[in-house]
Amino acid sequence: MTNEQKSISIAVAVGENFAIGKNNQLLWHMPADLKFFKQTTSGHTVIMGRKTFDSVGKPLPNRRNIVITRDTSLHIDGVEIVNSLDEALEITKSEEKPVFIVGGAEIYRQALPKTDILYLTTIHHTFDADTFFPAIDRNEWETISSEPHQADEKNKYDYTFEVLKRK
């Protein structure tokens, strides 16, 4: 982390096996998690890989959107394009609010060692997936909050919202 950067956060929803996707798609439709994600990241910068952006399909509203890609000729209206996580962090280092890493797997893998806060939604189900979030060592993190929720008519699985802070 650069010495001027306020905070780097990750926002991610995972299955119990740390699954996050298959065929570049989410594995579940959980309106409660989408609402939590929107509330958590709204008004902040979100950094994502190009494949994640493609799966979302448009810039996320009320957020500064930064997309990491190797394609130096890519242009997307409403999005800042960079070629590395380090470049994304460099152009956001003077921001006073935390920046959020929002996927995908390779960006999460690179960002996790630099991350201060982890906004983790665990969907209590084991999913068939081809993309996974890196395993986290719970000994390195302090649980700031944990909110378990039961499945309901809109959310098919039990889930837990957690906020973890690096010790």
Protein backbone atom coordinates (compact mmCIF):
# COMPACT_ATOMS: atom_id res chain seq x y z
CA MET A 1 0.00 0.00 0.00
CA THR A 2 1.31 3.43 -0.83
CA ASN A 3 1.92 5.62 2.16
CA GLU A 4 -0.77 8.14 1.15
CA GLN A 5 -3.54 5.64 0.39
CA LYS A 6 -6.30 5.77 2.97
CA SER A 7 -7.59 2.25 2.72
CA ILE A 8 -7.91 -0.62 0.28
CA SER A 9 -11.01 -2.73 0.71
CA ILE A 10 -12.31 -5.82 -1.02
CA ALA A 11 -16.02 -6.43 -1.51
CA VAL A 12 -16.77 -10.04 -2.40
CA ALA A 13 -19.48 -12.67 -2.09
CA VAL A 14 -18.27 -16.26 -1.87
CA GLY A 15 -19.77 -19.69 -1.49
CA GLU A 16 -18.60 -21.84 1.41
CA ASN A 17 -15.92 -23.27 -0.89
CA PHE A 18 -14.78 -19.70 -1.79
CA ALA A 19 -16.50 -20.08 -5.18
CA ILE A 20 -17.21 -16.76 -6.90
CA GLY A 21 -18.18 -17.66 -10.44
CA LYS A 22 -18.54 -20.01 -13.35
CA ASN A 23 -18.28 -19.14 -17.04
CA ASN A 24 -17.77 -15.47 -16.06
CA GLN A 25 -21.15 -15.38 -14.28
CA LEU A 26 -22.20 -15.15 -10.65
CA LEU A 27 -23.41 -18.41 -9.14
CA TRP A 28 -26.44 -17.02 -7.34
CA HIS A 29 -28.98 -14.23 -7.38
CA MET A 30 -29.09 -12.73 -3.90
CA PRO A 31 -30.87 -9.35 -3.81
CA ALA A 32 -29.78 -8.79 -0.20
CA ASP A 33 -26.13 -9.09 -1.21
CA LEU A 34 -26.61 -6.77 -4.19
CA LYS A 35 -28.15 -4.20 -1.83
CA PHE A 36 -25.27 -4.65 0.67
CA PHE A 37 -22.73 -4.25 -2.16
CA LYS A 38 -24.43 -1.10 -3.43
CA GLN A 39 -24.66 0.46 0.05
CA THR A 40 -21.02 -0.43 0.80
CA THR A 41 -19.45 0.80 -2.44
CA SER A 42 -21.72 3.69 -3.44
CA GLY A 43 -19.83 6.99 -3.53
CA HIS A 44 -16.46 5.20 -3.68
CA THR A 45 -14.04 4.06 -6.34
CA VAL A 46 -14.42 0.48 -7.56
CA ILE A 47 -11.56 -1.34 -9.25
CA MET A 48 -12.28 -4.44 -11.31
CA GLY A 49 -10.81 -6.57 -14.04
CA ARG A 50 -12.12 -6.38 -17.59
CA LYS A 51 -13.90 -9.75 -17.42
CA THR A 52 -15.73 -8.63 -14.28
CA PHE A 53 -16.70 -5.42 -16.03
CA ASP A 54 -17.95 -7.44 -19.01
CA SER A 55 -20.14 -9.55 -16.70
CA VAL A 56 -21.59 -6.38 -15.10
CA GLY A 57 -22.06 -4.84 -18.53
CA LYS A 58 -21.92 -1.14 -17.62
CA PRO A 59 -20.23 1.30 -15.24
CA LEU A 60 -21.63 1.03 -11.72
CA PRO A 61 -23.61 4.19 -10.94
CA ASN A 62 -22.51 6.69 -8.29
CA ARG A 63 -18.98 5.21 -8.27
CA ARG A 64 -15.69 5.97 -9.96
CA ASN A 65 -15.15 2.88 -12.14
CA ILE A 66 -11.61 1.72 -12.93
CA VAL A 67 -11.10 -1.32 -15.14
CA ILE A 68 -7.81 -3.20 -15.35
CA THR A 69 -7.00 -4.74 -18.73
CA ARG A 70 -4.00 -5.72 -20.80
CA ASP A 71 -5.74 -4.24 -23.85
CA THR A 72 -4.08 -0.83 -24.20
CA SER A 73 -6.55 0.27 -26.90
CA LEU A 74 -9.73 -0.41 -24.87
CA HIS A 75 -12.04 2.56 -24.33
CA ILE A 76 -15.28 2.40 -22.34
CA ASP A 77 -17.41 5.49 -21.74
CA GLY A 78 -17.65 6.32 -18.04
CA VAL A 79 -14.71 4.08 -17.11
CA GLU A 80 -11.04 4.75 -16.48
CA ILE A 81 -8.80 2.13 -18.07
CA VAL A 82 -5.49 1.04 -16.50
CA ASN A 83 -3.13 -1.81 -17.24
CA SER A 84 -2.33 -3.06 -13.72
CA LEU A 85 -3.57 -3.11 -10.15
CA ASP A 86 -0.56 -1.00 -9.15
CA GLU A 87 -1.55 1.63 -11.71
CA ALA A 88 -5.14 1.64 -10.39
CA LEU A 89 -3.89 2.07 -6.82
CA GLU A 90 -1.47 4.81 -7.89
CA ILE A 91 -4.20 6.95 -9.49
CA THR A 92 -6.42 6.55 -6.41
CA LYS A 93 -3.83 6.98 -3.66
CA SER A 94 -4.82 10.53 -2.78
CA GLU A 95 -8.49 9.64 -2.28
CA GLU A 96 -9.71 10.12 1.25
CA LYS A 97 -12.34 7.38 1.05
CA PRO A 98 -11.45 3.71 0.76
CA VAL A 99 -11.21 2.21 -2.70
CA PHE A 100 -12.91 -1.13 -3.35
CA ILE A 101 -11.54 -4.07 -5.27
CA VAL A 102 -14.60 -5.84 -6.71
CA GLY A 103 -13.20 -8.67 -8.82
CA GLY A 104 -12.38 -10.91 -10.45
CA ALA A 105 -10.30 -13.74 -9.10
CA GLU A 106 -6.91 -12.61 -10.42
CA ILE A 107 -7.43 -9.02 -9.24
CA TYR A 108 -8.54 -10.33 -5.83
CA ARG A 109 -5.43 -12.54 -5.66
CA GLN A 110 -3.16 -9.56 -6.38
CA ALA A 111 -5.03 -7.19 -4.06
CA LEU A 112 -5.57 -9.40 -1.01
CA PRO A 113 -2.06 -8.89 0.48
CA LYS A 114 -2.55 -5.08 0.19
CA THR A 115 -6.07 -5.04 1.60
CA ASP A 116 -7.01 -3.49 4.94
CA ILE A 117 -10.73 -4.27 5.08
CA LEU A 118 -12.64 -7.23 3.68
CA TYR A 119 -16.40 -6.93 3.11
CA LEU A 120 -17.22 -10.60 2.87
CA THR A 121 -20.60 -12.09 2.10
CA THR A 122 -20.60 -15.83 2.60
CA ILE A 123 -23.39 -17.67 0.83
CA HIS A 124 -23.91 -20.82 2.90
CA HIS A 125 -23.85 -23.31 0.07
CA THR A 126 -21.12 -25.15 -1.83
CA PHE A 127 -21.24 -24.25 -5.51
CA ASP A 128 -19.90 -25.86 -8.66
CA ALA A 129 -17.52 -23.18 -9.93
CA ASP A 130 -14.48 -22.50 -12.06
CA THR A 131 -13.44 -19.29 -10.31
CA PHE A 132 -12.55 -18.90 -6.64
CA PHE A 133 -11.58 -16.20 -4.16
CA PRO A 134 -8.19 -16.88 -2.54
CA ALA A 135 -8.44 -18.65 0.80
CA ILE A 136 -8.04 -16.27 3.70
CA ASP A 137 -6.21 -16.98 6.93
CA ARG A 138 -8.70 -15.97 9.63
CA ASN A 139 -5.77 -15.49 12.04
CA GLU A 140 -4.74 -12.44 9.99
CA TRP A 141 -8.15 -10.79 10.29
CA GLU A 142 -10.25 -9.38 13.11
CA THR A 143 -14.02 -9.63 12.73
CA ILE A 144 -15.49 -6.14 13.04
CA SER A 145 -19.07 -7.22 12.38
CA SER A 146 -20.95 -10.36 11.45
CA GLU A 147 -24.62 -10.50 10.48
CA PRO A 148 -26.09 -13.94 9.76
CA HIS A 149 -29.29 -14.07 7.72
CA GLN A 150 -31.71 -16.85 6.89
CA ALA A 151 -32.84 -17.68 3.38
CA ASP A 152 -36.16 -16.11 2.43
CA GLU A 153 -38.44 -15.80 -0.59
CA LYS A 154 -35.96 -13.49 -2.38
CA ASN A 155 -32.66 -14.99 -1.18
CA LYS A 156 -32.42 -18.72 -1.78
CA TYR A 157 -29.53 -19.45 0.61
CA ASP A 158 -28.58 -18.58 4.17
CA TYR A 159 -25.84 -15.94 4.13
CA THR A 160 -23.62 -13.88 6.41
CA PHE A 161 -22.33 -10.35 5.94
CA GLU A 162 -18.96 -9.83 7.60
CA VAL A 163 -16.54 -6.96 7.83
CA LEU A 164 -12.99 -8.10 8.56
CA LYS A 165 -10.04 -5.85 9.35
CA ARG A 166 -6.45 -6.91 8.91
CA LYS A 167 -4.76 -7.31 12.31
